[in-house]
C-alpha atoms as a PDB file:
ATOM      1  CA  MET A   1      50.262  28.382  13.132  1.00  0.00           C
ATOM      2  CA  PRO A   2      51.020  25.540  15.545  1.00  0.00           C
ATOM      3  CA  GLU A   3      53.899  26.157  17.957  1.00  0.00           C
ATOM      4  CA  GLY A   4      57.267  25.079  16.592  1.00  0.00           C
ATOM      5  CA  VAL A   5      56.148  24.793  12.969  1.00  0.00           C
ATOM      6  CA  PRO A   6      58.376  26.873  10.696  1.00  0.00           C
ATOM      7  CA  THR A   7      56.639  29.484   8.596  1.00  0.00           C
ATOM      8  CA  LEU A   8      57.187  30.380   4.986  1.00  0.00           C
ATOM      9  CA  PHE A   9      59.475  33.264   5.966  1.00  0.00           C
ATOM     10  CA  SER A  10      61.430  31.722   8.823  1.00  0.00           C
ATOM     11  CA  GLY A  11      64.779  31.403   7.087  1.00  0.00           C
ATOM     12  CA  ASP A  12      67.045  28.443   7.933  1.00  0.00           C
ATOM     13  CA  LYS A  13      64.430  26.802  10.142  1.00  0.00           C
ATOM     14  CA  LEU A  14      62.397  26.093   7.021  1.00  0.00           C
ATOM     15  CA  TYR A  15      65.153  25.299   4.576  1.00  0.00           C
ATOM     16  CA  GLY A  16      67.895  23.781   6.722  1.00  0.00           C
ATOM     17  CA  SER A  17      67.133  20.172   5.817  1.00  0.00           C
ATOM     18  CA  GLY A  18      66.182  20.862   2.205  1.00  0.00           C
ATOM     19  CA  VAL A  19      63.012  18.775   2.579  1.00  0.00           C
ATOM     20  CA  LEU A  20      59.822  19.518   4.455  1.00  0.00           C
ATOM     21  CA  GLY A  21      57.738  16.737   5.899  1.00  0.00           C
ATOM     22  CA  PRO A  22      54.112  16.370   4.803  1.00  0.00           C
ATOM     23  CA  ARG A  23      52.723  17.591   8.146  1.00  0.00           C
ATOM     24  CA  THR A  24      54.880  20.723   8.038  1.00  0.00           C
ATOM     25  CA  ARG A  25      53.856  21.436   4.432  1.00  0.00           C
ATOM     26  CA  ALA A  26      50.196  20.943   5.368  1.00  0.00           C
ATOM     27  CA  ALA A  27      50.521  23.325   8.351  1.00  0.00           C
ATOM     28  CA  ILE A  28      52.185  25.977   6.178  1.00  0.00           C
ATOM     29  CA  ARG A  29      49.525  25.612   3.474  1.00  0.00           C
ATOM     30  CA  ALA A  30      46.728  25.885   6.062  1.00  0.00           C
ATOM     31  CA  ALA A  31      48.242  29.034   7.591  1.00  0.00           C
ATOM     32  CA  ALA A  32      48.698  30.584   4.128  1.00  0.00           C
ATOM     33  CA  ALA A  33      45.116  29.722   3.141  1.00  0.00           C
ATOM     34  CA  ALA A  34      43.756  31.307   6.329  1.00  0.00           C
ATOM     35  CA  ALA A  35      45.794  34.494   5.872  1.00  0.00           C
ATOM     36  CA  LEU A  36      44.936  34.840   2.185  1.00  0.00           C
ATOM     37  CA  GLY A  37      41.292  34.001   2.835  1.00  0.00           C
ATOM     38  CA  SER A  38      40.994  36.891   5.263  1.00  0.00           C
ATOM     39  CA  VAL A  39      42.497  39.351   2.792  1.00  0.00           C
ATOM     40  CA  GLU A  40      40.427  37.989  -0.118  1.00  0.00           C
ATOM     41  CA  ARG A  41      37.183  38.382   1.862  1.00  0.00           C
ATOM     42  CA  ALA A  42      38.073  41.979   2.743  1.00  0.00           C
ATOM     43  CA  ALA A  43      38.942  42.787  -0.878  1.00  0.00           C
ATOM     44  CA  ARG A  44      35.681  41.246  -2.163  1.00  0.00           C
ATOM     45  CA  ALA A  45      33.640  43.104   0.462  1.00  0.00           C
ATOM     46  CA  ALA A  46      35.274  46.384  -0.603  1.00  0.00           C
ATOM     47  CA  GLY A  47      34.798  45.633  -4.305  1.00  0.00           C
ATOM     48  CA  VAL A  48      38.545  45.610  -4.943  1.00  0.00           C
ATOM     49  CA  PRO A  49      39.622  43.482  -7.916  1.00  0.00           C
ATOM     50  CA  HIS A  50      42.409  41.170  -6.799  1.00  0.00           C
ATOM     51  CA  ARG A  51      44.321  37.988  -7.488  1.00  0.00           C
ATOM     52  CA  SER A  52      46.143  36.054  -4.839  1.00  0.00           C
ATOM     53  CA  ALA A  53      48.593  33.192  -5.067  1.00  0.00           C
ATOM     54  CA  ARG A  54      50.588  31.101  -2.673  1.00  0.00           C
ATOM     55  CA  THR A  55      53.703  29.089  -3.228  1.00  0.00           C
ATOM     56  CA  LEU A  56      56.398  27.440  -1.168  1.00  0.00           C
ATOM     57  CA  ALA A  57      59.765  28.776  -2.296  1.00  0.00           C
ATOM     58  CA  ARG A  58      63.367  28.921  -1.131  1.00  0.00           C
ATOM     59  CA  SER A  59      63.471  32.601  -2.000  1.00  0.00           C
ATOM     60  CA  PRO A  60      60.085  34.190  -1.184  1.00  0.00           C
ATOM     61  CA  TRP A  61      60.916  37.593  -2.704  1.00  0.00           C
ATOM     62  CA  ARG A  62      61.868  35.961  -6.024  1.00  0.00           C
ATOM     63  CA  ALA A  63      58.666  33.920  -6.052  1.00  0.00           C
ATOM     64  CA  ILE A  64      56.631  37.051  -5.274  1.00  0.00           C
ATOM     65  CA  THR A  65      58.210  39.157  -8.035  1.00  0.00           C
ATOM     66  CA  ARG A  66      58.066  36.341 -10.615  1.00  0.00           C
ATOM     67  CA  THR A  67      54.451  35.494  -9.812  1.00  0.00           C
ATOM     68  CA  ALA A  68      53.394  39.142 -10.022  1.00  0.00           C
ATOM     69  CA  ALA A  69      55.109  39.538 -13.394  1.00  0.00           C
ATOM     70  CA  ALA A  70      53.723  36.249 -14.745  1.00  0.00           C
ATOM     71  CA  HIS A  71      50.155  37.213 -13.795  1.00  0.00           C
ATOM     72  CA  GLY A  72      50.459  40.781 -15.097  1.00  0.00           C
ATOM     73  CA  CYS A  73      49.803  42.273 -11.664  1.00  0.00           C
ATOM     74  CA  ASP A  74      49.865  46.037 -11.349  1.00  0.00           C
ATOM     75  CA  LEU A  75      50.552  46.079  -7.586  1.00  0.00           C
ATOM     76  CA  ILE A  76      52.101  43.878  -4.902  1.00  0.00           C
ATOM     77  CA  VAL A  77      50.828  44.426  -1.332  1.00  0.00           C
ATOM     78  CA  MET A  78      53.047  43.310   1.568  1.00  0.00           C
ATOM     79  CA  GLY A  79      53.357  43.777   5.305  1.00  0.00           C
ATOM     80  CA  THR A  80      56.126  45.845   6.881  1.00  0.00           C
ATOM     81  CA  ARG A  81      57.817  42.942   8.620  1.00  0.00           C
ATOM     82  CA  GLY A  82      57.856  39.183   8.750  1.00  0.00           C
ATOM     83  CA  VAL A  83      57.614  36.836  11.689  1.00  0.00           C
ATOM     84  CA  ARG A  84      61.284  37.015  12.691  1.00  0.00           C
ATOM     85  CA  GLY A  85      61.803  40.482  14.054  1.00  0.00           C
ATOM     86  CA  MET A  86      60.858  44.037  14.760  1.00  0.00           C
ATOM     87  CA  ALA A  87      62.808  45.747  11.974  1.00  0.00           C
ATOM     88  CA  ALA A  88      61.089  48.563  10.093  1.00  0.00           C
ATOM     89  CA  LEU A  89      60.854  46.305   7.024  1.00  0.00           C
ATOM     90  CA  GLY A  90      61.183  42.545   6.902  1.00  0.00           C
ATOM     91  CA  SER A  91      63.989  41.153   4.768  1.00  0.00           C
ATOM     92  CA  GLN A  92      61.621  39.651   2.184  1.00  0.00           C
ATOM     93  CA  THR A  93      59.716  42.937   1.901  1.00  0.00           C
ATOM     94  CA  LEU A  94      62.971  44.846   1.439  1.00  0.00           C
ATOM     95  CA  LYS A  95      64.170  42.455  -1.251  1.00  0.00           C
ATOM     96  CA  THR A  96      60.823  42.572  -3.038  1.00  0.00           C
ATOM     97  CA  VAL A  97      60.747  46.389  -3.035  1.00  0.00           C
ATOM     98  CA  ALA A  98      64.357  46.552  -4.252  1.00  0.00           C
ATOM     99  CA  ASN A  99      63.960  43.995  -7.049  1.00  0.00           C
ATOM    100  CA  SER A 100      60.381  44.214  -8.306  1.00  0.00           C
ATOM    101  CA  ARG A 101      59.410  45.935 -11.533  1.00  0.00           C
ATOM    102  CA  VAL A 102      55.832  45.895 -10.240  1.00  0.00           C
ATOM    103  CA  PRO A 103      55.073  48.639  -7.665  1.00  0.00           C
ATOM    104  CA  VAL A 104      54.983  47.409  -4.062  1.00  0.00           C
ATOM    105  CA  LEU A 105      52.603  48.836  -1.450  1.00  0.00           C
ATOM    106  CA  VAL A 106      53.945  48.199   2.052  1.00  0.00           C
ATOM    107  CA  CYS A 107      51.321  48.204   4.832  1.00  0.00           C
ATOM    108  CA  GLY A 108      52.091  48.426   8.547  1.00  0.00           C
END
């Protein structure tokens, strides 16, 4: 991700203005595609059936839980923390675990 470009999970930096410019949206989409591509390649190589999705949302945990439910997913896989801090669990991971009806696997 280029320096100074807000990420999907960077809180007010991303949503403060209410509108993202086209270059910022493109940078976020490129970073998401690279991250998902890496995971998709690993899953394919291991023979793990999977489905991935990406979306730009004001509330990432809501988008994650709604997308998983809409696609009939049986598992959500997330990292332990986001880009903002060193807490044991990132805020979006915590909210997803607390609110999802689909099981969530948290990886460190």
